[in-house]
Amino acid sequence: MNNTTSNTRTLAECAVLIALGTILAQLKVYELPNGGSITAASMVPFILVSLRHGPRWGLLTGFANSLLQMLLGGLWPTPAGTAGAMALEVILDYLMPFTVLGLAYIFAKPFGESKKLQGIICGTIAVCCLRFLAHFLSGIIVWGSIAQDGIGAVTYSLTYNGSYMLVETIISVVVIALLYKSAPKLFKAV
């Protein structure tokens, strides 16, 4: 297979996985009142792209996902109501958290083929932690002023974002591990 055919095939695969991830993101198990939700493994397609095709394709696919999430999820007006706060919301709530899913390959690669499942799990956990970190920072910087009942912005952001990201991470790890166990060829680039 020549390089053009390979790139076209990878691009088509990424488009299908973006569509799948977008559909899964709309299947919400639970949605929090101020944004964030537990979905039907919506991060898995983007992590899979990274694990199959490396960080370049993973980051591009994750970035496309971030734009779709922003358009479909809608931007919430920030408490500060300034252009700077809106820019930080776009970066910390959309661009960073969904794009970093494309880095799973970097965290999985050191495990090699002999410990591939452990690498896949580690990569999944690592990118979920990076996504959480972006949301956590947004919760402090952008949304901290809405902390309730005298709770500080750090505690509020940690509990609010941690409540759904922990469950999302567990779901993603379980699904990605089951996918690897049942269809290991999915994790090899064609």
N, C-alpha and C. Protein backbone atom coordinates (compact mmCIF):
# COMPACT_ATOMS: atom_id res chain seq x y z
N MET A 1 0.85 -1.17 0.00
CA MET A 1 0.00 0.00 0.00
C MET A 1 0.90 1.23 0.00
N ASN A 2 0.64 2.17 -0.94
CA ASN A 2 1.48 3.37 -0.97
C ASN A 2 1.06 4.36 0.11
N ASN A 3 1.88 5.38 0.30
CA ASN A 3 1.68 6.33 1.38
C ASN A 3 0.38 7.13 1.24
N THR A 4 0.01 7.50 0.01
CA THR A 4 -1.22 8.25 -0.20
C THR A 4 -2.44 7.43 0.17
N THR A 5 -2.44 6.16 -0.24
CA THR A 5 -3.55 5.27 0.10
C THR A 5 -3.62 5.06 1.60
N SER A 6 -2.46 4.89 2.22
CA SER A 6 -2.41 4.68 3.67
C SER A 6 -2.95 5.90 4.42
N ASN A 7 -2.52 7.11 4.00
CA ASN A 7 -3.01 8.33 4.65
C ASN A 7 -4.51 8.52 4.44
N THR A 8 -4.98 8.21 3.23
CA THR A 8 -6.41 8.33 2.95
C THR A 8 -7.20 7.36 3.82
N ARG A 9 -6.70 6.16 3.94
CA ARG A 9 -7.37 5.15 4.77
C ARG A 9 -7.39 5.59 6.24
N THR A 10 -6.27 6.10 6.72
CA THR A 10 -6.20 6.56 8.11
C THR A 10 -7.13 7.74 8.33
N LEU A 11 -7.16 8.67 7.39
CA LEU A 11 -8.05 9.82 7.49
C LEU A 11 -9.52 9.38 7.54
N ALA A 12 -9.88 8.43 6.70
CA ALA A 12 -11.26 7.92 6.71
C ALA A 12 -11.57 7.23 8.03
N GLU A 13 -10.63 6.46 8.53
CA GLU A 13 -10.82 5.78 9.82
C GLU A 13 -10.99 6.81 10.94
N CYS A 14 -10.19 7.86 10.92
CA CYS A 14 -10.30 8.91 11.93
C CYS A 14 -11.66 9.59 11.85
N ALA A 15 -12.15 9.83 10.64
CA ALA A 15 -13.46 10.47 10.47
C ALA A 15 -14.56 9.59 11.06
N VAL A 16 -14.48 8.30 10.82
CA VAL A 16 -15.48 7.37 11.37
C VAL A 16 -15.40 7.35 12.89
N LEU A 17 -14.19 7.34 13.44
CA LEU A 17 -14.05 7.32 14.90
C LEU A 17 -14.45 8.65 15.54
N ILE A 18 -14.25 9.76 14.83
CA ILE A 18 -14.75 11.05 15.34
C ILE A 18 -16.27 11.00 15.41
N ALA A 19 -16.89 10.46 14.37
CA ALA A 19 -18.36 10.35 14.35
C ALA A 19 -18.83 9.44 15.49
N LEU A 20 -18.16 8.31 15.67
CA LEU A 20 -18.53 7.39 16.75
C LEU A 20 -18.37 8.06 18.12
N GLY A 21 -17.25 8.73 18.32
CA GLY A 21 -17.03 9.43 19.59
C GLY A 21 -18.06 10.51 19.86
N THR A 22 -18.47 11.20 18.79
CA THR A 22 -19.48 12.26 18.92
C THR A 22 -20.83 11.66 19.31
N ILE A 23 -21.17 10.54 18.70
CA ILE A 23 -22.43 9.86 19.04
C ILE A 23 -22.37 9.36 20.49
N LEU A 24 -21.26 8.74 20.87
CA LEU A 24 -21.12 8.23 22.24
C LEU A 24 -21.18 9.37 23.27
N ALA A 25 -20.67 10.55 22.90
CA ALA A 25 -20.71 11.69 23.81
C ALA A 25 -22.14 12.18 24.04
N GLN A 26 -23.01 11.91 23.08
CA GLN A 26 -24.41 12.32 23.23
C GLN A 26 -25.21 11.32 24.07
N LEU A 27 -24.66 10.12 24.27
CA LEU A 27 -25.31 9.10 25.10
C LEU A 27 -24.83 9.30 26.54
N LYS A 28 -25.50 10.18 27.24
CA LYS A 28 -25.08 10.56 28.59
C LYS A 28 -25.76 9.70 29.63
N VAL A 29 -24.93 9.07 30.45
CA VAL A 29 -25.42 8.28 31.57
C VAL A 29 -25.86 9.22 32.68
N TYR A 30 -25.06 10.27 32.87
CA TYR A 30 -25.37 11.26 33.90
C TYR A 30 -24.75 12.59 33.48
N GLU A 31 -25.48 13.68 33.66
CA GLU A 31 -24.98 15.00 33.30
C GLU A 31 -25.04 15.91 34.51
N LEU A 32 -23.93 16.56 34.80
CA LEU A 32 -23.87 17.50 35.92
C LEU A 32 -24.50 18.83 35.53
N PRO A 33 -25.00 19.58 36.50
CA PRO A 33 -25.73 20.81 36.19
C PRO A 33 -24.90 21.91 35.54
N ASN A 34 -23.62 21.98 35.84
CA ASN A 34 -22.77 23.06 35.30
C ASN A 34 -21.81 22.57 34.23
N GLY A 35 -22.15 21.49 33.55
CA GLY A 35 -21.27 20.94 32.52
C GLY A 35 -20.54 19.72 33.03
N GLY A 36 -20.06 18.92 32.10
CA GLY A 36 -19.41 17.65 32.45
C GLY A 36 -20.45 16.56 32.53
N SER A 37 -20.11 15.40 32.03
CA SER A 37 -21.06 14.30 32.07
C SER A 37 -20.34 12.97 31.99
N ILE A 38 -21.05 11.94 32.40
CA ILE A 38 -20.57 10.57 32.25
C ILE A 38 -21.23 10.03 31.00
N THR A 39 -20.40 9.60 30.06
CA THR A 39 -20.91 9.16 28.77
C THR A 39 -20.65 7.67 28.55
N ALA A 40 -21.12 7.21 27.40
CA ALA A 40 -20.94 5.80 27.03
C ALA A 40 -19.58 5.61 26.35
N ALA A 41 -18.51 5.80 27.11
CA ALA A 41 -17.14 5.56 26.64
C ALA A 41 -16.76 6.45 25.46
N SER A 42 -17.14 7.72 25.51
CA SER A 42 -16.91 8.62 24.38
C SER A 42 -15.44 8.95 24.12
N MET A 43 -14.56 8.72 25.08
CA MET A 43 -13.14 9.01 24.87
C MET A 43 -12.42 7.87 24.15
N VAL A 44 -12.98 6.68 24.19
CA VAL A 44 -12.31 5.49 23.65
C VAL A 44 -11.96 5.63 22.16
N PRO A 45 -12.84 6.11 21.29
CA PRO A 45 -12.45 6.21 19.88
C PRO A 45 -11.21 7.09 19.65
N PHE A 46 -11.06 8.14 20.41
CA PHE A 46 -9.93 9.05 20.24
C PHE A 46 -8.64 8.45 20.80
N ILE A 47 -8.77 7.74 21.90
CA ILE A 47 -7.62 7.02 22.46
C ILE A 47 -7.19 5.93 21.50
N LEU A 48 -8.14 5.25 20.90
CA LEU A 48 -7.84 4.19 19.94
C LEU A 48 -7.09 4.72 18.72
N VAL A 49 -7.49 5.88 18.21
CA VAL A 49 -6.77 6.49 17.08
C VAL A 49 -5.30 6.69 17.46
N SER A 50 -5.06 7.24 18.63
CA SER A 50 -3.70 7.49 19.08
C SER A 50 -2.91 6.19 19.20
N LEU A 51 -3.52 5.18 19.80
CA LEU A 51 -2.83 3.90 20.00
C LEU A 51 -2.54 3.20 18.67
N ARG A 52 -3.40 3.38 17.69
CA ARG A 52 -3.21 2.75 16.37
C ARG A 52 -2.25 3.52 15.47
N HIS A 53 -2.36 4.85 15.48
CA HIS A 53 -1.65 5.64 14.47
C HIS A 53 -0.67 6.66 15.03
N GLY A 54 -0.51 6.70 16.34
CA GLY A 54 0.47 7.59 16.93
C GLY A 54 -0.09 8.95 17.30
N PRO A 55 0.76 9.78 17.91
CA PRO A 55 0.29 11.05 18.45
C PRO A 55 -0.12 12.07 17.39
N ARG A 56 0.49 12.05 16.22
CA ARG A 56 0.11 13.03 15.19
C ARG A 56 -1.36 12.89 14.82
N TRP A 57 -1.77 11.67 14.45
CA TRP A 57 -3.17 11.44 14.10
C TRP A 57 -4.05 11.56 15.33
N GLY A 58 -3.55 11.11 16.46
CA GLY A 58 -4.33 11.20 17.69
C GLY A 58 -4.63 12.64 18.07
N LEU A 59 -3.63 13.51 17.99
CA LEU A 59 -3.83 14.91 18.34
C LEU A 59 -4.76 15.61 17.34
N LEU A 60 -4.60 15.31 16.06
CA LEU A 60 -5.49 15.91 15.05
C LEU A 60 -6.93 15.48 15.27
N THR A 61 -7.12 14.21 15.55
CA THR A 61 -8.47 13.69 15.79
C THR A 61 -9.04 14.26 17.09
N GLY A 62 -8.22 14.32 18.12
CA GLY A 62 -8.66 14.90 19.38
C GLY A 62 -9.02 16.37 19.23
N PHE A 63 -8.24 17.10 18.41
CA PHE A 63 -8.54 18.51 18.18
C PHE A 63 -9.87 18.67 17.45
N ALA A 64 -10.10 17.83 16.43
CA ALA A 64 -11.39 17.87 15.72
C ALA A 64 -12.53 17.58 16.69
N ASN A 65 -12.31 16.63 17.58
CA ASN A 65 -13.30 16.30 18.61
C ASN A 65 -13.55 17.50 19.52
N SER A 66 -12.50 18.22 19.88
CA SER A 66 -12.67 19.37 20.78
C SER A 66 -13.55 20.43 20.14
N LEU A 67 -13.37 20.64 18.84
CA LEU A 67 -14.21 21.62 18.14
C LEU A 67 -15.66 21.17 18.09
N LEU A 68 -15.87 19.88 17.83
CA LEU A 68 -17.24 19.35 17.82
C LEU A 68 -17.88 19.43 19.20
N GLN A 69 -17.13 19.09 20.24
CA GLN A 69 -17.66 19.16 21.60
C GLN A 69 -18.07 20.59 21.94
N MET A 70 -17.27 21.54 21.49
CA MET A 70 -17.57 22.94 21.77
C MET A 70 -18.83 23.37 21.02
N LEU A 71 -18.95 22.95 19.77
CA LEU A 71 -20.11 23.34 18.98
C LEU A 71 -21.39 22.65 19.45
N LEU A 72 -21.29 21.37 19.76
CA LEU A 72 -22.48 20.61 20.16
C LEU A 72 -22.84 20.81 21.63
N GLY A 73 -21.83 21.01 22.48
CA GLY A 73 -22.08 21.18 23.91
C GLY A 73 -22.42 22.61 24.25
N GLY A 74 -21.99 23.50 23.41
CA GLY A 74 -22.26 24.92 23.65
C GLY A 74 -21.35 25.51 24.70
N LEU A 75 -20.99 26.74 24.50
CA LEU A 75 -20.17 27.44 25.48
C LEU A 75 -21.08 28.05 26.53
N TRP A 76 -20.70 27.90 27.76
CA TRP A 76 -21.45 28.50 28.86
C TRP A 76 -20.85 29.88 29.12
N PRO A 77 -21.69 30.87 29.39
CA PRO A 77 -21.12 32.18 29.73
C PRO A 77 -20.37 32.07 31.06
N THR A 78 -19.17 32.62 31.08
CA THR A 78 -18.35 32.53 32.29
C THR A 78 -18.83 33.55 33.33
N PRO A 79 -18.56 33.28 34.61
CA PRO A 79 -18.97 34.23 35.65
C PRO A 79 -18.35 35.62 35.45
N ALA A 80 -17.11 35.65 34.97
CA ALA A 80 -16.43 36.93 34.78
C ALA A 80 -17.01 37.68 33.58
N GLY A 81 -17.47 36.94 32.58
CA GLY A 81 -18.08 37.56 31.41
C GLY A 81 -17.13 38.35 30.53
N THR A 82 -15.84 38.11 30.64
CA THR A 82 -14.86 38.83 29.85
C THR A 82 -14.38 37.97 28.68
N ALA A 83 -13.78 38.62 27.70
CA ALA A 83 -13.22 37.90 26.56
C ALA A 83 -12.09 36.97 27.01
N GLY A 84 -11.29 37.42 27.95
CA GLY A 84 -10.20 36.59 28.47
C GLY A 84 -10.72 35.33 29.14
N ALA A 85 -11.77 35.46 29.93
CA ALA A 85 -12.37 34.30 30.60
C ALA A 85 -12.96 33.34 29.57
N MET A 86 -13.58 33.89 28.52
CA MET A 86 -14.13 33.03 27.46
C MET A 86 -13.01 32.28 26.74
N ALA A 87 -11.89 32.98 26.48
CA ALA A 87 -10.75 32.34 25.81
C ALA A 87 -10.20 31.21 26.68
N LEU A 88 -10.09 31.45 27.98
CA LEU A 88 -9.62 30.40 28.88
C LEU A 88 -10.60 29.24 28.93
N GLU A 89 -11.89 29.53 28.90
CA GLU A 89 -12.88 28.46 28.88
C GLU A 89 -12.72 27.61 27.63
N VAL A 90 -12.55 28.23 26.47
CA VAL A 90 -12.38 27.49 25.22
C VAL A 90 -11.13 26.61 25.31
N ILE A 91 -10.04 27.17 25.81
CA ILE A 91 -8.79 26.42 25.89
C ILE A 91 -8.86 25.30 26.93
N LEU A 92 -9.31 25.63 28.16
CA LEU A 92 -9.24 24.67 29.26
C LEU A 92 -10.42 23.70 29.33
N ASP A 93 -11.56 24.07 28.78
CA ASP A 93 -12.72 23.18 28.82
C ASP A 93 -12.92 22.40 27.52
N TYR A 94 -12.30 22.85 26.43
CA TYR A 94 -12.53 22.17 25.15
C TYR A 94 -11.23 21.78 24.45
N LEU A 95 -10.44 22.77 24.03
CA LEU A 95 -9.27 22.46 23.21
C LEU A 95 -8.28 21.52 23.90
N MET A 96 -7.84 21.86 25.08
CA MET A 96 -6.85 21.02 25.77
C MET A 96 -7.40 19.65 26.19
N PRO A 97 -8.52 19.60 26.90
CA PRO A 97 -8.92 18.30 27.44
C PRO A 97 -9.25 17.25 26.38
N PHE A 98 -9.80 17.66 25.26
CA PHE A 98 -10.16 16.67 24.25
C PHE A 98 -9.01 16.38 23.29
N THR A 99 -8.14 17.36 23.08
CA THR A 99 -6.98 17.14 22.21
C THR A 99 -5.97 16.20 22.87
N VAL A 100 -5.76 16.34 24.19
CA VAL A 100 -4.74 15.51 24.85
C VAL A 100 -5.06 14.02 24.81
N LEU A 101 -6.29 13.66 24.49
CA LEU A 101 -6.61 12.23 24.35
C LEU A 101 -5.74 11.59 23.28
N GLY A 102 -5.27 12.41 22.35
CA GLY A 102 -4.42 11.91 21.27
C GLY A 102 -3.00 11.58 21.69
N LEU A 103 -2.66 11.76 22.94
CA LEU A 103 -1.31 11.46 23.43
C LEU A 103 -1.19 10.06 24.04
N ALA A 104 -2.23 9.28 24.00
CA ALA A 104 -2.21 7.95 24.64
C ALA A 104 -1.04 7.09 24.16
N TYR A 105 -0.73 7.18 22.89
CA TYR A 105 0.37 6.39 22.32
C TYR A 105 1.70 6.66 23.03
N ILE A 106 1.95 7.92 23.34
CA ILE A 106 3.22 8.29 23.98
C ILE A 106 3.37 7.60 25.33
N PHE A 107 2.28 7.48 26.08
CA PHE A 107 2.34 6.83 27.39
C PHE A 107 2.33 5.30 27.30
N ALA A 108 1.77 4.78 26.21
CA ALA A 108 1.68 3.32 26.04
C ALA A 108 2.95 2.73 25.42
N LYS A 109 3.61 3.47 24.58
CA LYS A 109 4.77 2.96 23.82
C LYS A 109 5.88 2.36 24.67
N PRO A 110 6.28 2.98 25.78
CA PRO A 110 7.39 2.41 26.56
C PRO A 110 7.15 0.97 27.06
N PHE A 111 5.92 0.53 27.12
CA PHE A 111 5.63 -0.82 27.60
C PHE A 111 5.94 -1.87 26.55
N GLY A 112 6.05 -1.49 25.30
CA GLY A 112 6.39 -2.43 24.22
C GLY A 112 5.29 -3.45 23.97
N GLU A 113 5.60 -4.37 23.09
CA GLU A 113 4.65 -5.41 22.70
C GLU A 113 4.43 -6.45 23.79
N SER A 114 5.45 -6.71 24.60
CA SER A 114 5.33 -7.75 25.62
C SER A 114 4.34 -7.38 26.73
N LYS A 115 4.18 -6.11 26.96
CA LYS A 115 3.25 -5.64 27.99
C LYS A 115 2.26 -4.64 27.38
N LYS A 116 1.75 -4.98 26.21
CA LYS A 116 0.91 -4.05 25.46
C LYS A 116 -0.36 -3.66 26.22
N LEU A 117 -1.03 -4.62 26.85
CA LEU A 117 -2.26 -4.30 27.59
C LEU A 117 -1.97 -3.31 28.71
N GLN A 118 -0.88 -3.53 29.44
CA GLN A 118 -0.52 -2.60 30.51
C GLN A 118 -0.24 -1.21 29.93
N GLY A 119 0.42 -1.16 28.78
CA GLY A 119 0.70 0.11 28.13
C GLY A 119 -0.57 0.82 27.70
N ILE A 120 -1.51 0.07 27.15
CA ILE A 120 -2.78 0.64 26.71
C ILE A 120 -3.55 1.20 27.90
N ILE A 121 -3.56 0.46 28.99
CA ILE A 121 -4.24 0.92 30.20
C ILE A 121 -3.55 2.16 30.76
N CYS A 122 -2.22 2.13 30.81
CA CYS A 122 -1.46 3.28 31.32
C CYS A 122 -1.70 4.51 30.44
N GLY A 123 -1.67 4.33 29.12
CA GLY A 123 -1.92 5.43 28.20
C GLY A 123 -3.31 6.02 28.39
N THR A 124 -4.29 5.15 28.58
CA THR A 124 -5.67 5.59 28.79
C THR A 124 -5.79 6.39 30.08
N ILE A 125 -5.23 5.86 31.15
CA ILE A 125 -5.29 6.55 32.44
C ILE A 125 -4.56 7.89 32.37
N ALA A 126 -3.39 7.90 31.72
CA ALA A 126 -2.60 9.13 31.64
C ALA A 126 -3.35 10.24 30.91
N VAL A 127 -3.96 9.92 29.76
CA VAL A 127 -4.66 10.99 29.02
C VAL A 127 -5.94 11.41 29.73
N CYS A 128 -6.57 10.49 30.44
CA CYS A 128 -7.76 10.87 31.23
C CYS A 128 -7.34 11.81 32.37
N CYS A 129 -6.17 11.56 32.96
CA CYS A 129 -5.66 12.46 34.01
C CYS A 129 -5.32 13.83 33.43
N LEU A 130 -4.76 13.86 32.23
CA LEU A 130 -4.47 15.15 31.59
C LEU A 130 -5.76 15.90 31.29
N ARG A 131 -6.77 15.17 30.81
CA ARG A 131 -8.06 15.82 30.56
C ARG A 131 -8.63 16.37 31.88
N PHE A 132 -8.58 15.57 32.93
CA PHE A 132 -9.05 16.04 34.24
C PHE A 132 -8.30 17.29 34.67
N LEU A 133 -6.98 17.29 34.49
CA LEU A 133 -6.16 18.44 34.91
C LEU A 133 -6.61 19.72 34.20
N ALA A 134 -6.91 19.63 32.91
CA ALA A 134 -7.39 20.81 32.17
C ALA A 134 -8.72 21.31 32.74
N HIS A 135 -9.65 20.36 32.98
CA HIS A 135 -10.95 20.75 33.55
C HIS A 135 -10.78 21.30 34.98
N PHE A 136 -9.88 20.68 35.73
CA PHE A 136 -9.61 21.12 37.10
C PHE A 136 -9.10 22.56 37.12
N LEU A 137 -8.14 22.86 36.24
CA LEU A 137 -7.61 24.22 36.15
C LEU A 137 -8.69 25.21 35.72
N SER A 138 -9.53 24.80 34.79
CA SER A 138 -10.64 25.65 34.38
C SER A 138 -11.58 25.90 35.55
N GLY A 139 -11.83 24.87 36.33
CA GLY A 139 -12.71 25.02 37.49
C GLY A 139 -12.19 26.03 38.49
N ILE A 140 -10.87 26.11 38.60
CA ILE A 140 -10.27 27.08 39.53
C ILE A 140 -10.22 28.47 38.90
N ILE A 141 -9.68 28.53 37.69
CA ILE A 141 -9.42 29.83 37.05
C ILE A 141 -10.68 30.48 36.51
N VAL A 142 -11.49 29.71 35.77
CA VAL A 142 -12.65 30.27 35.09
C VAL A 142 -13.90 30.22 35.95
N TRP A 143 -14.14 29.07 36.59
CA TRP A 143 -15.42 28.84 37.28
C TRP A 143 -15.33 28.93 38.80
N GLY A 144 -14.17 29.24 39.34
CA GLY A 144 -13.96 29.26 40.79
C GLY A 144 -14.91 30.14 41.57
N SER A 145 -15.41 31.18 40.95
CA SER A 145 -16.29 32.11 41.67
C SER A 145 -17.68 31.53 41.93
N ILE A 146 -18.02 30.39 41.31
CA ILE A 146 -19.34 29.80 41.56
C ILE A 146 -19.30 28.71 42.63
N ALA A 147 -18.13 28.53 43.26
CA ALA A 147 -18.03 27.55 44.34
C ALA A 147 -19.12 27.85 45.38
N GLN A 148 -19.73 26.78 45.88
CA GLN A 148 -20.90 26.93 46.75
C GLN A 148 -20.58 26.64 48.21
N ASP A 149 -21.42 27.20 49.08
CA ASP A 149 -21.39 26.89 50.52
C ASP A 149 -20.02 27.10 51.16
N GLY A 150 -19.33 28.13 50.76
CA GLY A 150 -18.06 28.44 51.40
C GLY A 150 -16.92 27.51 51.03
N ILE A 151 -17.14 26.64 50.07
CA ILE A 151 -16.08 25.73 49.62
C ILE A 151 -15.13 26.52 48.73
N GLY A 152 -13.85 26.34 48.91
CA GLY A 152 -12.87 27.03 48.08
C GLY A 152 -12.90 26.53 46.64
N ALA A 153 -12.37 27.35 45.75
CA ALA A 153 -12.39 27.02 44.32
C ALA A 153 -11.64 25.71 44.02
N VAL A 154 -10.54 25.46 44.70
CA VAL A 154 -9.76 24.23 44.46
C VAL A 154 -10.57 23.01 44.86
N THR A 155 -11.15 23.04 46.05
CA THR A 155 -11.96 21.91 46.52
C THR A 155 -13.18 21.71 45.63
N TYR A 156 -13.82 22.80 45.27
CA TYR A 156 -15.00 22.72 44.41
C TYR A 156 -14.64 22.10 43.06
N SER A 157 -13.57 22.59 42.44
CA SER A 157 -13.16 22.07 41.13
C SER A 157 -12.74 20.61 41.22
N LEU A 158 -12.02 20.26 42.27
CA LEU A 158 -11.58 18.88 42.46
C LEU A 158 -12.76 17.93 42.60
N THR A 159 -13.72 18.29 43.42
CA THR A 159 -14.86 17.39 43.62
C THR A 159 -15.81 17.39 42.42
N TYR A 160 -16.03 18.56 41.85
CA TYR A 160 -16.96 18.64 40.72
C TYR A 160 -16.41 17.89 39.51
N ASN A 161 -15.20 18.24 39.10
CA ASN A 161 -14.62 17.60 37.92
C ASN A 161 -14.19 16.16 38.20
N GLY A 162 -13.73 15.91 39.41
CA GLY A 162 -13.35 14.55 39.76
C GLY A 162 -14.53 13.60 39.79
N SER A 163 -15.72 14.11 40.13
CA SER A 163 -16.89 13.24 40.24
C SER A 163 -17.26 12.58 38.92
N TYR A 164 -17.13 13.28 37.82
CA TYR A 164 -17.46 12.63 36.55
C TYR A 164 -16.23 12.08 35.84
N MET A 165 -15.06 12.71 36.01
CA MET A 165 -13.87 12.23 35.31
C MET A 165 -13.37 10.90 35.87
N LEU A 166 -13.54 10.65 37.14
CA LEU A 166 -13.13 9.36 37.70
C LEU A 166 -13.96 8.24 37.08
N VAL A 167 -15.27 8.44 37.00
CA VAL A 167 -16.14 7.42 36.41
C VAL A 167 -15.86 7.29 34.91
N GLU A 168 -15.67 8.41 34.22
CA GLU A 168 -15.33 8.37 32.78
C GLU A 168 -14.03 7.59 32.55
N THR A 169 -13.05 7.79 33.43
CA THR A 169 -11.77 7.10 33.31
C THR A 169 -11.95 5.60 33.50
N ILE A 170 -12.69 5.22 34.52
CA ILE A 170 -12.93 3.79 34.78
C ILE A 170 -13.64 3.15 33.59
N ILE A 171 -14.68 3.80 33.07
CA ILE A 171 -15.40 3.28 31.92
C ILE A 171 -14.45 3.12 30.73
N SER A 172 -13.63 4.13 30.48
CA SER A 172 -12.71 4.09 29.34
C SER A 172 -11.69 2.97 29.49
N VAL A 173 -11.13 2.81 30.67
CA VAL A 173 -10.14 1.74 30.91
C VAL A 173 -10.77 0.37 30.71
N VAL A 174 -11.96 0.17 31.26
CA VAL A 174 -12.64 -1.13 31.12
C VAL A 174 -12.94 -1.42 29.65
N VAL A 175 -13.49 -0.44 28.94
CA VAL A 175 -13.85 -0.65 27.54
C VAL A 175 -12.62 -0.88 26.68
N ILE A 176 -11.57 -0.10 26.88
CA ILE A 176 -10.36 -0.25 26.06
C ILE A 176 -9.69 -1.58 26.35
N ALA A 177 -9.70 -2.03 27.60
CA ALA A 177 -9.11 -3.34 27.94
C ALA A 177 -9.94 -4.48 27.33
N LEU A 178 -11.26 -4.36 27.40
CA LEU A 178 -12.11 -5.38 26.78
C LEU A 178 -11.94 -5.42 25.27
N LEU A 179 -11.80 -4.26 24.66
CA LEU A 179 -11.54 -4.21 23.22
C LEU A 179 -10.23 -4.90 22.87
N TYR A 180 -9.20 -4.63 23.66
CA TYR A 180 -7.90 -5.26 23.39
C TYR A 180 -7.97 -6.77 23.58
N LYS A 181 -8.64 -7.20 24.63
CA LYS A 181 -8.75 -8.64 24.90
C LYS A 181 -9.54 -9.35 23.80
N SER A 182 -10.60 -8.72 23.32
CA SER A 182 -11.47 -9.38 22.33
C SER A 182 -11.00 -9.16 20.90
N ALA A 183 -10.31 -8.08 20.62
CA ALA A 183 -9.90 -7.79 19.24
C ALA A 183 -8.54 -7.07 19.23
N PRO A 184 -7.46 -7.77 19.57
CA PRO A 184 -6.14 -7.13 19.65
C PRO A 184 -5.67 -6.52 18.32
N LYS A 185 -6.19 -7.01 17.21
CA LYS A 185 -5.80 -6.46 15.90
C LYS A 185 -6.25 -5.02 15.73
N LEU A 186 -7.27 -4.60 16.50
CA LEU A 186 -7.71 -3.21 16.44
C LEU A 186 -6.61 -2.24 16.85
N PHE A 187 -5.66 -2.71 17.61
CA PHE A 187 -4.62 -1.86 18.16
C PHE A 187 -3.35 -1.87 17.32
N LYS A 188 -3.45 -2.40 16.11
CA LYS A 188 -2.31 -2.40 15.19
C LYS A 188 -2.68 -1.57 13.97
N ALA A 189 -1.82 -0.64 13.63
CA ALA A 189 -2.05 0.19 12.45
C ALA A 189 -2.00 -0.68 11.20
N VAL A 190 -2.87 -0.38 10.26
CA VAL A 190 -2.92 -1.14 9.01
C VAL A 190 -2.00 -0.52 7.99
